[in-house]
C-alpha atoms as a PDB file:
ATOM      1  CA  MET A   1      57.691 127.845  66.190  1.00  0.00           C
ATOM      2  CA  GLN A   2      58.709 129.843  69.265  1.00  0.00           C
ATOM      3  CA  SER A   3      57.138 128.929  72.562  1.00  0.00           C
ATOM      4  CA  ARG A   4      55.671 131.578  74.850  1.00  0.00           C
ATOM      5  CA  LEU A   5      58.688 131.189  77.163  1.00  0.00           C
ATOM      6  CA  ASP A   6      61.130 131.637  74.257  1.00  0.00           C
ATOM      7  CA  ARG A   7      59.348 134.841  73.206  1.00  0.00           C
ATOM      8  CA  ALA A   8      59.385 136.144  76.777  1.00  0.00           C
ATOM      9  CA  VAL A   9      63.127 135.478  77.068  1.00  0.00           C
ATOM     10  CA  ALA A  10      63.752 137.068  73.647  1.00  0.00           C
ATOM     11  CA  ASN A  11      61.804 140.174  74.681  1.00  0.00           C
ATOM     12  CA  ARG A  12      63.943 140.466  77.799  1.00  0.00           C
ATOM     13  CA  ALA A  13      67.166 139.595  75.989  1.00  0.00           C
ATOM     14  CA  SER A  14      68.605 143.061  75.783  1.00  0.00           C
ATOM     15  CA  ARG A  15      67.611 145.913  78.045  1.00  0.00           C
ATOM     16  CA  PRO A  16      70.348 148.519  77.725  1.00  0.00           C
ATOM     17  CA  VAL A  17      71.106 150.624  80.798  1.00  0.00           C
ATOM     18  CA  ALA A  18      73.639 153.460  80.988  1.00  0.00           C
ATOM     19  CA  ILE A  19      75.252 154.150  84.367  1.00  0.00           C
ATOM     20  CA  LEU A  20      76.891 157.575  84.603  1.00  0.00           C
ATOM     21  CA  TYR A  21      78.829 157.840  87.842  1.00  0.00           C
ATOM     22  CA  GLU A  22      80.925 160.347  89.750  1.00  0.00           C
ATOM     23  CA  HIS A  23      81.965 157.838  92.399  1.00  0.00           C
ATOM     24  CA  ALA A  24      83.379 154.684  90.822  1.00  0.00           C
ATOM     25  CA  LEU A  25      82.330 152.456  93.726  1.00  0.00           C
ATOM     26  CA  LEU A  26      78.679 153.423  93.289  1.00  0.00           C
ATOM     27  CA  GLY A  27      78.722 153.085  89.493  1.00  0.00           C
ATOM     28  CA  GLU A  28      80.514 149.746  89.492  1.00  0.00           C
ATOM     29  CA  GLY A  29      78.299 148.427  92.299  1.00  0.00           C
ATOM     30  CA  ILE A  30      75.107 149.286  90.427  1.00  0.00           C
ATOM     31  CA  ALA A  31      76.550 147.762  87.245  1.00  0.00           C
ATOM     32  CA  LYS A  32      77.506 144.546  89.035  1.00  0.00           C
ATOM     33  CA  TYR A  33      74.007 144.227  90.468  1.00  0.00           C
ATOM     34  CA  LEU A  34      72.320 144.911  87.118  1.00  0.00           C
ATOM     35  CA  LEU A  35      74.571 142.565  85.152  1.00  0.00           C
ATOM     36  CA  ALA A  36      73.389 139.737  87.396  1.00  0.00           C
ATOM     37  CA  GLN A  37      69.823 140.368  86.158  1.00  0.00           C
ATOM     38  CA  LEU A  38      68.581 138.439  83.139  1.00  0.00           C
ATOM     39  CA  GLY A  39      68.795 140.461  79.954  1.00  0.00           C
ATOM     40  CA  VAL A  40      70.285 143.675  81.314  1.00  0.00           C
ATOM     41  CA  GLU A  41      73.158 145.115  79.323  1.00  0.00           C
ATOM     42  CA  ALA A  42      74.929 147.820  81.372  1.00  0.00           C
ATOM     43  CA  THR A  43      77.245 150.489  80.004  1.00  0.00           C
ATOM     44  CA  VAL A  44      79.276 152.257  82.690  1.00  0.00           C
ATOM     45  CA  ALA A  45      80.783 155.704  82.085  1.00  0.00           C
ATOM     46  CA  SER A  46      82.254 158.521  84.137  1.00  0.00           C
ATOM     47  CA  ALA A  47      79.821 161.413  84.525  1.00  0.00           C
ATOM     48  CA  LEU A  48      82.846 163.698  84.787  1.00  0.00           C
ATOM     49  CA  ASP A  49      83.681 163.373  81.076  1.00  0.00           C
ATOM     50  CA  PRO A  50      80.973 164.821  78.790  1.00  0.00           C
ATOM     51  CA  GLN A  51      82.326 163.011  75.704  1.00  0.00           C
ATOM     52  CA  THR A  52      82.148 159.643  77.483  1.00  0.00           C
ATOM     53  CA  VAL A  53      78.583 160.448  78.549  1.00  0.00           C
ATOM     54  CA  ILE A  54      77.609 161.329  74.971  1.00  0.00           C
ATOM     55  CA  SER A  55      79.139 158.056  73.719  1.00  0.00           C
ATOM     56  CA  ALA A  56      77.275 155.999  76.331  1.00  0.00           C
ATOM     57  CA  LEU A  57      73.955 157.676  75.510  1.00  0.00           C
ATOM     58  CA  ALA A  58      74.499 157.180  71.772  1.00  0.00           C
ATOM     59  CA  LEU A  59      73.903 153.461  72.404  1.00  0.00           C
ATOM     60  CA  GLY A  60      70.229 154.259  73.043  1.00  0.00           C
ATOM     61  CA  PRO A  61      69.717 153.018  76.608  1.00  0.00           C
ATOM     62  CA  GLY A  62      66.195 152.506  77.899  1.00  0.00           C
ATOM     63  CA  VAL A  63      67.306 153.552  81.390  1.00  0.00           C
ATOM     64  CA  VAL A  64      69.950 156.062  82.473  1.00  0.00           C
ATOM     65  CA  ILE A  65      71.104 155.882  86.087  1.00  0.00           C
ATOM     66  CA  PHE A  66      73.240 158.890  86.950  1.00  0.00           C
ATOM     67  CA  GLU A  67      74.899 160.968  89.631  1.00  0.00           C
ATOM     68  CA  LEU A  68      74.354 164.593  88.709  1.00  0.00           C
ATOM     69  CA  THR A  69      77.757 166.273  88.465  1.00  0.00           C
ATOM     70  CA  GLU A  70      78.745 169.761  87.376  1.00  0.00           C
ATOM     71  CA  SER A  71      79.986 168.475  84.011  1.00  0.00           C
ATOM     72  CA  LEU A  72      76.827 166.361  83.565  1.00  0.00           C
ATOM     73  CA  ARG A  73      74.732 169.519  84.046  1.00  0.00           C
ATOM     74  CA  ARG A  74      76.200 170.722  80.721  1.00  0.00           C
ATOM     75  CA  VAL A  75      74.845 167.659  78.887  1.00  0.00           C
ATOM     76  CA  ASP A  76      71.142 167.535  77.996  1.00  0.00           C
ATOM     77  CA  LEU A  77      70.198 163.993  79.020  1.00  0.00           C
ATOM     78  CA  ILE A  78      66.643 164.374  77.758  1.00  0.00           C
ATOM     79  CA  THR A  79      67.820 165.324  74.270  1.00  0.00           C
ATOM     80  CA  LEU A  80      70.523 162.638  74.112  1.00  0.00           C
ATOM     81  CA  ALA A  81      68.307 159.861  75.530  1.00  0.00           C
ATOM     82  CA  PRO A  82      64.746 161.012  74.733  1.00  0.00           C
ATOM     83  CA  ARG A  83      63.044 157.651  75.379  1.00  0.00           C
ATOM     84  CA  ALA A  84      65.044 156.671  78.443  1.00  0.00           C
ATOM     85  CA  VAL A  85      63.842 156.582  82.008  1.00  0.00           C
ATOM     86  CA  LEU A  86      66.197 158.886  83.955  1.00  0.00           C
ATOM     87  CA  ILE A  87      67.112 157.909  87.514  1.00  0.00           C
ATOM     88  CA  ASP A  88      69.163 160.345  89.632  1.00  0.00           C
ATOM     89  CA  VAL A  89      70.977 158.513  92.432  1.00  0.00           C
ATOM     90  CA  ASN A  90      72.645 161.487  94.128  1.00  0.00           C
ATOM     91  CA  THR A  91      72.951 160.825  97.818  1.00  0.00           C
ATOM     92  CA  VAL A  92      74.010 164.351  98.802  1.00  0.00           C
ATOM     93  CA  SER A  93      72.375 167.534  97.593  1.00  0.00           C
ATOM     94  CA  LYS A  94      74.783 170.313  96.698  1.00  0.00           C
END
């Protein structure tokens, strides 16, 4: 029989997050931070390549952290990750 703690750990075991970056330093930094968290499974992909973005979102992440790029504007994040929480981390508005 599973204890309450075992069930809590199992529920947190895999929380997929997709990180779509324009600037590698930002994307890799966020990934490094998240990978240190219990149960977070981060997929890191360049936001400059629409096919890479589509592949990352096909994994069904619960959270998508992204830098909005011109090529990412051509990809419908809401359609490709309909249940995901979308977090835009742009630091400069264009």
